[in-house]
Amino acid sequence: MGDISLRGQGRIKMASGGRTAAWQRKEGKDPKGGLNRKGIASYRAANPGSKLSMAVTTKPSKLKKGSKAANRRKSFCARMTGMKKRLTSAKTARDPNSRINKSLRKWNC
């Protein structure tokens, strides 16, 4: 396995064949937003000790109030909605196919 350096962010492990990890490529991303199982597995392999887990896709009405999943969802929605407002262009914010909008829909934000 090779590795590359990205602007002082440490080293990123490359998959066999000299390619970047699956979580950074299309094959590790879910078409509906976020990462798929392969993407999450490759992220964990590249970042030992990571606690990245699958998205909370359960409808908010079905989640028990104050549960771990409900709190994760609430935190993610608050953080990403803020990013959408402040860190994306107006064009990206309006685009229903942008990665951030797909993720917000997937998490039922």
Protein backbone atom coordinates (compact mmCIF):
# COMPACT_ATOMS: atom_id res chain seq x y z
CA MET A 1 0.00 0.00 0.00
CA GLY A 2 1.22 3.43 -0.87
CA ASP A 3 0.35 6.72 0.73
CA ILE A 4 0.21 10.39 -0.25
CA SER A 5 0.42 13.67 1.62
CA LEU A 6 -2.35 16.26 1.52
CA ARG A 7 -1.48 19.78 2.69
CA GLY A 8 -0.31 18.93 6.20
CA GLN A 9 -3.30 16.69 6.96
CA GLY A 10 -1.11 13.68 7.54
CA ARG A 11 -0.84 10.67 5.28
CA ILE A 12 -3.72 9.01 3.47
CA LYS A 13 -3.51 5.30 2.78
CA MET A 14 -4.09 4.26 -0.79
CA ALA A 15 -5.91 1.14 -1.83
CA SER A 16 -3.99 -1.55 -3.66
CA GLY A 17 -3.15 -0.49 -7.18
CA GLY A 18 -2.06 3.01 -6.14
CA ARG A 19 -5.59 4.43 -5.96
CA THR A 20 -7.09 6.51 -3.18
CA ALA A 21 -9.32 4.88 -0.57
CA ALA A 22 -12.89 3.92 -1.56
CA TRP A 23 -14.47 6.50 0.76
CA GLN A 24 -12.94 9.24 -1.40
CA ARG A 25 -14.12 7.72 -4.68
CA LYS A 26 -17.52 7.12 -6.26
CA GLU A 27 -17.55 3.41 -5.39
CA GLY A 28 -17.52 4.20 -1.65
CA LYS A 29 -20.30 6.77 -1.84
CA ASP A 30 -24.02 6.06 -1.72
CA PRO A 31 -25.96 7.56 -4.67
CA LYS A 32 -28.60 8.71 -2.15
CA GLY A 33 -26.01 10.58 -0.06
CA GLY A 34 -23.30 9.74 2.46
CA LEU A 35 -21.05 6.69 2.39
CA ASN A 36 -22.02 3.10 1.69
CA ARG A 37 -20.71 0.10 3.67
CA LYS A 38 -17.60 -0.19 1.47
CA GLY A 39 -16.85 3.52 2.00
CA ILE A 40 -17.22 3.25 5.76
CA ALA A 41 -15.03 0.13 5.87
CA SER A 42 -12.28 1.85 3.84
CA TYR A 43 -12.49 4.98 6.05
CA ARG A 44 -12.04 2.87 9.18
CA ALA A 45 -9.08 1.07 7.58
CA ALA A 46 -7.45 4.39 6.65
CA ASN A 47 -8.19 5.98 10.05
CA PRO A 48 -7.56 3.47 12.86
CA GLY A 49 -9.57 4.21 15.99
CA SER A 50 -12.33 5.91 13.99
CA LYS A 51 -15.87 5.49 15.30
CA LEU A 52 -17.60 6.33 12.00
CA SER A 53 -20.91 4.50 11.73
CA MET A 54 -23.84 4.28 9.31
CA ALA A 55 -26.32 7.13 8.90
CA VAL A 56 -29.44 7.21 11.07
CA THR A 57 -32.04 6.81 8.33
CA THR A 58 -34.99 5.98 10.61
CA LYS A 59 -37.84 8.48 10.42
CA PRO A 60 -37.71 10.93 13.37
CA SER A 61 -41.23 9.91 14.44
CA LYS A 62 -40.06 6.30 14.85
CA LEU A 63 -37.02 7.19 17.00
CA LYS A 64 -37.36 7.19 20.76
CA LYS A 65 -36.89 10.75 22.01
CA GLY A 66 -33.47 11.20 23.64
CA SER A 67 -32.12 7.87 22.36
CA LYS A 68 -28.56 7.57 21.10
CA ALA A 69 -29.72 7.41 17.46
CA ALA A 70 -32.06 10.40 17.89
CA ASN A 71 -29.25 12.45 19.44
CA ARG A 72 -26.81 11.49 16.64
CA ARG A 73 -29.37 12.51 14.04
CA LYS A 74 -30.15 15.80 15.78
CA SER A 75 -26.45 16.65 16.09
CA PHE A 76 -25.70 15.74 12.46
CA CYS A 77 -28.65 17.78 11.16
CA ALA A 78 -27.67 20.85 13.19
CA ARG A 79 -24.03 20.64 12.07
CA MET A 80 -24.74 19.99 8.38
CA THR A 81 -27.54 22.53 8.08
CA GLY A 82 -25.11 25.13 9.42
CA MET A 83 -22.49 24.03 6.88
CA LYS A 84 -25.04 24.26 4.09
CA LYS A 85 -25.89 27.84 5.09
CA ARG A 86 -22.35 29.09 5.58
CA LEU A 87 -19.90 26.95 3.64
CA THR A 88 -21.61 26.23 0.32
CA SER A 89 -22.34 28.42 -2.65
CA ALA A 90 -25.93 29.47 -3.36
CA LYS A 91 -25.89 27.23 -6.44
CA THR A 92 -24.84 24.16 -4.39
CA ALA A 93 -27.36 24.94 -1.65
CA ARG A 94 -30.21 24.98 -4.23
CA ASP A 95 -29.02 21.92 -6.18
CA PRO A 96 -31.07 18.86 -5.07
CA ASN A 97 -28.29 16.55 -6.33
CA SER A 98 -25.46 18.12 -4.33
CA ARG A 99 -23.77 15.79 -1.84
CA ILE A 100 -24.79 17.92 1.14
CA ASN A 101 -28.47 18.00 0.13
CA LYS A 102 -28.49 14.26 -0.51
CA SER A 103 -27.00 13.64 2.94
CA LEU A 104 -29.51 15.93 4.65
CA ARG A 105 -32.38 14.09 2.92
CA LYS A 106 -30.94 10.70 3.87
CA TRP A 107 -30.74 11.71 7.53
CA ASN A 108 -34.32 13.14 7.38
CA CYS A 109 -33.14 16.66 8.24
